[in-house]
Amino acid sequence: MDQESRLVKFVQSGEFEKLLPSLYGSAYDTEFQRLRYLQLIATHKELFGELYSEKSGLFSTAGRSELGGNHTDHNLGKVFATTINLDTIAAVTPQKEGKVILISEGFPPVEVDLGHLEVVEEEMGSTHALVRGIAAGFVERGLNIGGFVANTSTLVLKGSGLSSSAAIEMLVATIFNALYNDNHVRVVEMAKISQFAENKYFGKPSGLMDQIACGHGGVVKIDFSNTEITPLSVDFRDYGYDLVVVDTGSTHADLTDDYASIPKEMGKVAAYFGQKVLSGITYDQFLQHLAPLRETLKNDRALLRAHHFILENQRVEGMVNALREGQIETYLSLVRQSGASSFNYLQNIYSTKDVEEQGLALALALSEHFLGDEGAWRVHGGGFGGTIQAYIPIAKSGHFITFMESFFGRGAVTPLAVRGAPTLRLDKFVE
């Protein structure tokens, strides 16, 4: 059977339609998604038609939303996060030639020779580096890799704090896993490989939360001290709230030093206690040693960031327990506390390199003004630029969107839904 027909028939089938709720939540648009995948297949045919085979397939990896645990993962703390309904999709064909060709909408083509997996300094900060690093991570673990050609389309906004880069990383790892490892590599291991690629090859000192949350599916608490993942069944609309993010128009460009300063300064506090990370240090221990810590480090911001870390871990546990008990107001109070701690103590709301650019702070102020005692608002993800997150009473969602977009532009507010499905190949290919 012609491969284009096989994939097209799959997308037009009831089997495809049955997948949509697990991928895109309850408010998905069937025809929008169907046309999106059909266009992806058509583009793949135009780009790589001569390479089509019976093993060609469709893949989807979603973005993520951090719900709690802001900047705790890199010190082996606790995070509360969800996979979301905005994803990067790919049409993929394996090829015998040992190279990866990846073409993403709006970006230059990426071509990586899998015969050369050493770090390439000139590739730092590029998708080339991520692909090469993920391939190297597979090989280091004794796993299989092989060539493929792929084109992607994404709804995960770049620079939005929804982890567009982690989605691409996990997508590439999922492709290697499905095509060459019979899907035997678990999500956590693929996340570690992706983190390795981002740290060593891409040159960004990221934690592990983004990759796990993009890949796992559903709402999860992650304890990075032992990589324990605890899933929860949550739909915030059941409690009467819409979860949204607001893009303030600022980006993550040139903020690597700002991001890197957080684990670096937390690490200085940990080193005082003879540890590499802050995990395991109690607040009582922190207070008992605060005076000599201040004298030794001479860095109050490092102390404030450690204060945030220790108490943020406690908030994550409180948030999980509140949702388990159906106490949404307690949960939202903890969300607001998390946001205030990020602003006041973690200090990732704006970059000190450009204090006149404070879009996140403005969005938080406007959200507080609009919502008053209802809902919640906080910085979303890494901070310094990008988005805030807010919980809006459903009856006020439309008004909130209109209000915020009058300041940040049409399309600035994006409603989110929980995605239950993990990163995966959608069509069921059987050898």
Protein backbone atom coordinates (compact mmCIF):
# COMPACT_ATOMS: atom_id res chain seq x y z
CA MET A 1 0.00 0.00 0.00
CA ASP A 2 1.26 3.50 -0.79
CA GLN A 3 2.66 4.98 2.42
CA GLU A 4 0.97 8.33 1.92
CA SER A 5 -2.37 6.55 1.69
CA ARG A 6 -1.66 4.53 4.84
CA LEU A 7 -0.90 7.60 6.96
CA VAL A 8 -3.69 9.64 5.41
CA LYS A 9 -6.19 6.86 6.05
CA PHE A 10 -4.98 6.61 9.64
CA VAL A 11 -5.55 10.34 10.23
CA GLN A 12 -9.00 10.08 8.66
CA SER A 13 -9.90 7.02 10.73
CA GLY A 14 -11.85 6.58 13.92
CA GLU A 15 -8.67 5.23 15.52
CA PHE A 16 -7.03 8.63 15.13
CA GLU A 17 -10.09 10.41 16.47
CA LYS A 18 -10.13 8.21 19.57
CA LEU A 19 -6.61 9.43 20.41
CA LEU A 20 -7.53 13.12 20.41
CA PRO A 21 -8.94 13.48 23.96
CA SER A 22 -5.77 11.97 25.46
CA LEU A 23 -3.65 14.31 23.36
CA TYR A 24 -5.58 17.57 23.45
CA GLY A 25 -7.97 17.51 26.41
CA SER A 26 -11.74 17.84 26.31
CA ALA A 27 -12.02 20.98 24.18
CA TYR A 28 -10.13 19.81 21.10
CA ASP A 29 -11.17 20.66 17.53
CA THR A 30 -11.25 17.41 15.57
CA GLU A 31 -11.10 18.97 12.14
CA PHE A 32 -8.33 21.38 13.08
CA GLN A 33 -6.15 18.53 14.33
CA ARG A 34 -7.00 16.31 11.38
CA LEU A 35 -6.08 19.02 8.86
CA ARG A 36 -2.91 19.76 10.83
CA TYR A 37 -1.70 16.17 10.52
CA LEU A 38 -2.78 15.87 6.88
CA GLN A 39 -0.75 18.97 6.04
CA LEU A 40 2.21 17.50 7.92
CA ILE A 41 1.99 14.32 5.82
CA ALA A 42 1.66 16.30 2.60
CA THR A 43 4.74 18.36 3.46
CA HIS A 44 6.68 15.19 4.29
CA LYS A 45 5.75 13.77 0.89
CA GLU A 46 6.98 16.94 -0.83
CA LEU A 47 10.27 16.96 1.08
CA PHE A 48 11.13 13.26 1.33
CA GLY A 49 8.82 11.38 -1.02
CA GLU A 50 11.60 9.23 -2.47
CA LEU A 51 12.46 7.92 1.01
CA TYR A 52 8.95 6.80 2.00
CA SER A 53 8.74 3.28 3.36
CA GLU A 54 6.34 1.08 5.25
CA LYS A 55 8.03 2.27 8.48
CA SER A 56 7.13 5.96 8.07
CA GLY A 57 5.09 7.28 10.96
CA LEU A 58 3.61 10.12 12.98
CA PHE A 59 4.92 11.31 16.34
CA SER A 60 3.71 13.77 18.98
CA THR A 61 5.51 15.30 21.96
CA ALA A 62 3.86 17.99 24.07
CA GLY A 63 5.01 21.04 25.95
CA ARG A 64 4.68 21.31 29.70
CA SER A 65 3.42 23.70 32.33
CA GLU A 66 5.13 23.97 35.70
CA LEU A 67 2.47 24.19 38.42
CA GLY A 68 4.79 24.45 41.42
CA GLY A 69 8.43 23.99 42.30
CA ASN A 70 9.97 26.97 40.54
CA HIS A 71 13.70 26.37 39.95
CA THR A 72 13.92 23.41 42.32
CA ASP A 73 14.81 20.57 39.95
CA HIS A 74 18.48 21.48 39.48
CA ASN A 75 19.03 21.12 43.23
CA LEU A 76 17.19 17.78 43.37
CA GLY A 77 14.06 19.29 44.86
CA LYS A 78 10.36 18.71 44.15
CA VAL A 79 8.29 19.89 41.20
CA PHE A 80 4.60 19.79 40.36
CA ALA A 81 3.94 19.91 36.61
CA THR A 82 1.63 18.86 33.81
CA THR A 83 1.96 17.80 30.22
CA ILE A 84 -0.21 20.15 28.14
CA ASN A 85 -2.35 20.04 25.01
CA LEU A 86 0.11 22.04 22.86
CA ASP A 87 2.46 19.71 21.02
CA THR A 88 5.12 19.34 18.38
CA ILE A 89 4.18 16.74 15.77
CA ALA A 90 6.46 15.06 13.24
CA ALA A 91 6.21 12.90 10.17
CA VAL A 92 9.23 10.62 10.13
CA THR A 93 10.84 8.13 7.75
CA PRO A 94 13.89 6.06 8.74
CA GLN A 95 16.75 6.00 6.26
CA LYS A 96 19.76 3.76 5.81
CA GLU A 97 22.18 6.65 5.48
CA GLY A 98 23.52 7.47 8.94
CA LYS A 99 22.29 10.99 9.30
CA VAL A 100 19.31 12.89 10.67
CA ILE A 101 17.56 15.54 8.61
CA LEU A 102 15.03 17.59 10.57
CA ILE A 103 13.00 20.36 8.97
CA SER A 104 10.86 22.51 11.27
CA GLU A 105 8.43 25.19 10.13
CA GLY A 106 10.08 28.60 10.11
CA PHE A 107 13.60 27.33 10.84
CA PRO A 108 16.63 26.37 8.72
CA PRO A 109 17.01 22.63 8.03
CA VAL A 110 19.04 20.61 10.52
CA GLU A 111 21.37 17.89 9.24
CA VAL A 112 23.50 15.82 11.60
CA ASP A 113 25.98 13.10 10.64
CA LEU A 114 25.54 10.31 13.19
CA GLY A 115 29.07 9.13 12.49
CA HIS A 116 30.42 12.16 14.35
CA LEU A 117 28.95 12.47 17.84
CA GLU A 118 31.57 14.55 19.61
CA VAL A 119 30.67 18.03 20.89
CA VAL A 120 30.90 20.70 18.18
CA GLU A 121 31.58 24.08 19.78
CA GLU A 122 30.17 25.99 16.81
CA GLU A 123 26.82 24.20 17.25
CA MET A 124 26.29 25.33 20.84
CA GLY A 125 22.81 26.80 21.25
CA SER A 126 21.42 25.13 18.12
CA THR A 127 19.05 22.28 17.29
CA HIS A 128 22.02 20.57 15.61
CA ALA A 129 23.62 20.32 19.05
CA LEU A 130 20.50 18.81 20.60
CA VAL A 131 20.15 16.13 17.92
CA ARG A 132 23.85 15.24 18.07
CA GLY A 133 23.81 15.19 21.88
CA ILE A 134 20.74 12.96 22.08
CA ALA A 135 22.28 10.52 19.60
CA ALA A 136 25.48 10.51 21.69
CA GLY A 137 23.46 9.91 24.84
CA PHE A 138 21.80 6.87 23.29
CA VAL A 139 25.14 5.47 22.19
CA GLU A 140 26.75 6.04 25.61
CA ARG A 141 24.01 3.89 27.12
CA GLY A 142 24.55 1.09 24.63
CA LEU A 143 21.32 1.90 22.80
CA ASN A 144 20.72 1.92 19.06
CA ILE A 145 20.54 4.92 16.77
CA GLY A 146 19.97 5.28 13.05
CA GLY A 147 19.20 7.82 10.41
CA PHE A 148 15.84 9.40 9.73
CA VAL A 149 14.25 12.30 7.92
CA ALA A 150 11.51 14.30 9.59
CA ASN A 151 9.48 17.46 9.32
CA THR A 152 7.71 19.03 12.27
CA SER A 153 4.89 21.42 13.06
CA THR A 154 4.43 22.89 16.52
CA LEU A 155 1.90 24.61 18.73
CA VAL A 156 4.44 24.97 21.57
CA LEU A 157 5.29 28.65 21.46
CA LYS A 158 9.02 29.35 21.40
CA GLY A 159 10.19 31.42 24.38
CA SER A 160 6.85 30.96 26.14
CA GLY A 161 8.05 28.93 29.11
CA LEU A 162 6.16 25.90 27.77
CA SER A 163 9.44 24.13 26.98
CA SER A 164 9.58 24.13 23.20
CA SER A 165 13.23 23.02 23.32
CA ALA A 166 12.50 20.13 25.71
CA ALA A 167 9.61 19.07 23.47
CA ILE A 168 11.99 18.86 20.50
CA GLU A 169 14.55 16.98 22.59
CA MET A 170 12.02 14.42 23.77
CA LEU A 171 10.58 14.14 20.27
CA VAL A 172 14.00 13.24 18.83
CA ALA A 173 14.59 10.77 21.67
CA THR A 174 11.17 9.22 21.07
CA ILE A 175 11.95 8.79 17.38
CA PHE A 176 15.24 7.00 18.13
CA ASN A 177 13.41 4.92 20.71
CA ALA A 178 10.56 3.90 18.43
CA LEU A 179 12.53 3.34 15.22
CA TYR A 180 15.62 1.63 16.62
CA ASN A 181 14.96 0.46 20.20
CA ASP A 182 11.45 -1.08 20.06
CA ASN A 183 10.21 1.56 22.54
CA HIS A 184 12.16 -0.08 25.36
CA VAL A 185 13.67 3.17 26.70
CA ARG A 186 11.56 4.64 29.51
CA VAL A 187 10.50 8.29 29.59
CA VAL A 188 12.78 9.11 32.54
CA GLU A 189 15.82 7.70 30.72
CA MET A 190 14.94 9.64 27.55
CA ALA A 191 14.60 12.75 29.73
CA LYS A 192 18.08 12.19 31.19
CA ILE A 193 19.50 11.77 27.69
CA SER A 194 17.80 14.99 26.61
CA GLN A 195 19.12 16.85 29.65
CA PHE A 196 22.61 15.55 28.86
CA ALA A 197 22.30 16.91 25.33
CA GLU A 198 21.06 20.29 26.56
CA ASN A 199 23.78 20.61 29.21
CA LYS A 200 26.82 19.29 27.35
CA TYR A 201 26.07 19.88 23.67
CA PHE A 202 23.65 22.83 23.67
CA GLY A 203 25.39 24.60 26.54
CA LYS A 204 22.40 25.39 28.77
CA PRO A 205 22.55 24.37 32.46
CA SER A 206 18.97 23.08 32.64
CA GLY A 207 17.43 20.72 35.16
CA LEU A 208 15.38 17.63 34.35
CA MET A 209 11.84 18.83 35.00
CA ASP A 210 11.06 20.09 31.49
CA GLN A 211 11.95 16.85 29.77
CA ILE A 212 10.09 14.58 32.20
CA ALA A 213 6.98 16.77 32.19
CA CYS A 214 6.97 16.98 28.39
CA GLY A 215 7.34 13.23 28.06
CA HIS A 216 5.36 11.64 30.88
CA GLY A 217 1.78 12.69 30.26
CA GLY A 218 -0.71 13.95 32.85
CA VAL A 219 -0.14 15.84 36.10
CA VAL A 220 2.84 14.64 38.12
CA LYS A 221 4.83 15.41 41.22
CA ILE A 222 8.52 14.74 40.62
CA ASP A 223 10.96 14.27 43.49
CA PHE A 224 14.39 14.70 41.94
CA SER A 225 16.23 13.40 44.99
CA ASN A 226 15.25 9.91 43.82
CA THR A 227 13.51 10.67 40.48
CA GLU A 228 10.24 9.40 41.94
CA ILE A 229 7.23 10.34 39.82
CA THR A 230 3.79 10.51 41.44
CA PRO A 231 0.87 10.96 39.01
CA LEU A 232 -2.36 12.72 39.97
CA SER A 233 -5.67 12.80 38.15
CA VAL A 234 -6.56 16.49 37.88
CA ASP A 235 -8.76 18.63 35.66
CA PHE A 236 -8.83 22.21 36.91
CA ARG A 237 -12.06 22.90 35.04
CA ASP A 238 -13.75 20.43 37.39
CA TYR A 239 -12.96 22.96 40.13
CA GLY A 240 -14.30 25.85 38.08
CA TYR A 241 -11.01 27.30 36.82
CA ASP A 242 -9.27 27.72 33.49
CA LEU A 243 -5.47 27.39 33.47
CA VAL A 244 -3.85 29.91 31.13
CA VAL A 245 -0.48 31.39 30.32
CA VAL A 246 0.10 35.00 29.29
CA ASP A 247 2.93 35.74 26.88
CA THR A 248 4.37 39.10 27.88
CA GLY A 249 6.28 39.53 24.62
CA SER A 250 9.69 39.22 26.22
CA THR A 251 11.85 36.26 25.20
CA HIS A 252 14.43 33.89 26.69
CA ALA A 253 17.16 35.26 24.41
CA ASP A 254 20.54 36.00 26.03
CA LEU A 255 19.35 34.98 29.48
CA THR A 256 21.64 31.98 29.97
CA ASP A 257 23.71 33.81 32.59
CA ASP A 258 20.57 34.72 34.53
CA TYR A 259 19.41 31.09 34.55
CA ALA A 260 22.86 29.79 35.41
CA SER A 261 23.19 32.14 38.38
CA ILE A 262 20.35 30.39 40.23
CA PRO A 263 21.82 26.86 40.56
CA LYS A 264 25.27 28.42 40.97
CA GLU A 265 24.20 30.53 43.95
CA MET A 266 22.11 27.76 45.50
CA GLY A 267 25.17 25.54 45.09
CA LYS A 268 27.27 27.96 47.12
CA VAL A 269 24.88 27.61 50.03
CA ALA A 270 24.85 23.82 49.64
CA ALA A 271 28.67 23.75 49.61
CA TYR A 272 28.71 25.42 53.03
CA PHE A 273 26.91 22.33 54.34
CA GLY A 274 29.32 20.01 52.49
CA GLN A 275 26.78 19.15 49.77
CA LYS A 276 26.58 19.68 46.01
CA VAL A 277 22.86 20.53 46.10
CA LEU A 278 20.39 21.95 48.62
CA SER A 279 18.16 18.88 48.72
CA GLY A 280 17.93 17.47 52.24
CA ILE A 281 18.84 20.69 54.07
CA THR A 282 16.01 21.68 56.42
CA TYR A 283 14.89 25.21 57.11
CA ASP A 284 15.93 24.87 60.76
CA GLN A 285 19.46 23.98 59.62
CA PHE A 286 19.43 26.94 57.27
CA LEU A 287 18.38 29.34 60.03
CA GLN A 288 20.89 27.98 62.53
CA HIS A 289 23.75 28.65 60.13
CA LEU A 290 22.39 31.82 58.52
CA ALA A 291 24.70 34.28 60.28
CA PRO A 292 27.96 32.47 59.42
CA LEU A 293 26.58 31.71 55.95
CA ARG A 294 26.06 35.41 55.34
CA GLU A 295 29.54 36.23 56.59
CA THR A 296 31.14 33.49 54.50
CA LEU A 297 29.28 33.96 51.20
CA LYS A 298 28.71 37.71 51.29
CA ASN A 299 25.84 37.10 48.89
CA ASP A 300 22.36 37.81 50.26
CA ARG A 301 20.69 36.84 46.99
CA ALA A 302 22.13 33.34 47.31
CA LEU A 303 20.59 33.11 50.79
CA LEU A 304 17.22 34.32 49.55
CA ARG A 305 17.29 31.79 46.74
CA ALA A 306 18.07 29.00 49.20
CA HIS A 307 15.18 30.24 51.38
CA HIS A 308 12.91 29.98 48.32
CA PHE A 309 14.15 26.49 47.45
CA ILE A 310 13.55 24.94 50.87
CA LEU A 311 10.08 26.42 51.34
CA GLU A 312 9.07 25.83 47.70
CA ASN A 313 9.60 22.10 48.22
CA GLN A 314 7.20 22.26 51.15
CA ARG A 315 4.67 24.13 49.00
CA VAL A 316 4.80 21.41 46.34
CA GLU A 317 3.83 18.80 48.94
CA GLY A 318 1.08 21.10 50.17
CA MET A 319 -0.26 21.63 46.64
CA VAL A 320 -0.40 17.90 45.95
CA ASN A 321 -2.12 17.16 49.26
CA ALA A 322 -4.64 19.96 48.71
CA LEU A 323 -5.68 18.57 45.33
CA ARG A 324 -5.88 15.04 46.69
CA GLU A 325 -8.31 16.32 49.31
CA GLY A 326 -10.24 18.48 46.84
CA GLN A 327 -9.22 21.70 48.62
CA ILE A 328 -8.90 24.00 45.62
CA GLU A 329 -8.76 27.23 47.65
CA THR A 330 -5.83 25.89 49.67
CA TYR A 331 -4.14 24.88 46.42
CA LEU A 332 -4.63 28.32 44.87
CA SER A 333 -3.30 30.02 48.00
CA LEU A 334 -0.13 27.94 47.68
CA VAL A 335 0.14 28.88 44.00
CA ARG A 336 0.04 32.55 44.96
CA GLN A 337 2.64 31.94 47.67
CA SER A 338 4.87 30.23 45.12
CA GLY A 339 4.57 33.21 42.79
CA ALA A 340 5.35 35.69 45.55
CA SER A 341 8.40 33.68 46.60
CA SER A 342 9.71 33.62 43.02
CA PHE A 343 9.28 37.38 42.76
CA ASN A 344 10.67 38.34 46.17
CA TYR A 345 13.29 35.71 46.94
CA LEU A 346 14.19 33.66 43.87
CA GLN A 347 14.22 36.92 41.87
CA ASN A 348 13.61 35.55 38.38
CA ILE A 349 10.97 38.06 37.25
CA TYR A 350 13.31 40.29 35.27
CA SER A 351 16.94 40.37 34.30
CA THR A 352 19.28 42.79 36.05
CA LYS A 353 20.89 43.29 32.64
CA ASP A 354 17.82 45.27 31.53
CA VAL A 355 15.75 46.52 34.46
CA GLU A 356 13.50 48.55 32.17
CA GLU A 357 12.14 45.30 30.63
CA GLN A 358 9.70 44.01 33.26
CA GLY A 359 6.87 42.46 31.27
CA LEU A 360 6.43 39.59 33.72
CA ALA A 361 6.07 41.94 36.68
CA LEU A 362 3.53 44.02 34.78
CA ALA A 363 1.50 40.93 33.87
CA LEU A 364 1.54 39.74 37.48
CA ALA A 365 0.38 43.16 38.70
CA LEU A 366 -2.45 43.26 36.18
CA SER A 367 -3.53 39.72 37.05
CA GLU A 368 -3.64 40.59 40.73
CA HIS A 369 -5.68 43.69 39.95
CA PHE A 370 -8.16 41.76 37.80
CA LEU A 371 -8.55 38.68 39.99
CA GLY A 372 -8.39 40.18 43.46
CA ASP A 373 -9.16 37.39 45.91
CA GLU A 374 -10.05 34.88 43.19
CA GLY A 375 -7.83 32.46 41.30
CA ALA A 376 -4.05 32.68 41.33
CA TRP A 377 -1.09 33.99 39.34
CA ARG A 378 2.65 33.28 39.27
CA VAL A 379 5.71 33.33 37.05
CA HIS A 380 5.74 30.40 34.68
CA GLY A 381 8.85 28.30 34.15
CA GLY A 382 12.35 29.70 34.08
CA GLY A 383 11.34 33.32 34.31
CA PHE A 384 13.28 36.49 33.41
CA GLY A 385 11.10 36.62 30.27
CA GLY A 386 8.31 34.72 28.59
CA THR A 387 5.06 33.99 30.37
CA ILE A 388 3.10 34.09 33.58
CA GLN A 389 0.53 31.48 34.59
CA ALA A 390 -2.93 32.16 35.96
CA TYR A 391 -5.99 30.28 37.20
CA ILE A 392 -9.16 32.12 36.14
CA PRO A 393 -12.73 31.44 37.25
CA ILE A 394 -14.35 30.00 34.12
CA ALA A 395 -17.06 32.68 34.07
CA LYS A 396 -14.36 35.38 33.92
CA SER A 397 -12.00 33.74 31.42
CA GLY A 398 -13.24 35.67 28.41
CA HIS A 399 -13.02 38.99 30.23
CA PHE A 400 -9.52 38.15 31.51
CA ILE A 401 -8.33 37.33 28.00
CA THR A 402 -9.73 40.59 26.63
CA PHE A 403 -8.23 42.56 29.51
CA MET A 404 -4.72 41.08 29.26
CA GLU A 405 -4.58 41.11 25.47
CA SER A 406 -5.39 44.83 25.47
CA PHE A 407 -1.92 45.27 26.99
CA PHE A 408 0.11 42.37 25.57
CA GLY A 409 -1.47 41.94 22.15
CA ARG A 410 -3.92 39.65 20.41
CA GLY A 411 -3.18 35.99 21.07
CA ALA A 412 -1.07 36.70 24.18
CA VAL A 413 -3.29 34.56 26.40
CA THR A 414 -3.28 30.80 25.77
CA PRO A 415 -5.71 28.49 27.56
CA LEU A 416 -4.11 25.16 28.51
CA ALA A 417 -5.49 21.68 29.12
CA VAL A 418 -3.93 18.63 30.71
CA ARG A 419 -2.68 16.07 28.18
CA GLY A 420 -2.92 12.52 29.43
CA ALA A 421 -0.82 10.84 26.74
CA PRO A 422 2.98 10.59 26.93
CA THR A 423 5.38 11.34 24.10
CA LEU A 424 4.64 8.69 21.49
CA ARG A 425 4.33 7.41 17.98
CA LEU A 426 0.67 7.73 17.01
CA ASP A 427 0.27 5.24 14.17
CA LYS A 428 0.70 1.65 15.26
CA PHE A 429 3.34 0.20 12.98
CA VAL A 430 3.82 -3.55 13.21
CA GLU A 431 6.92 -5.08 11.61
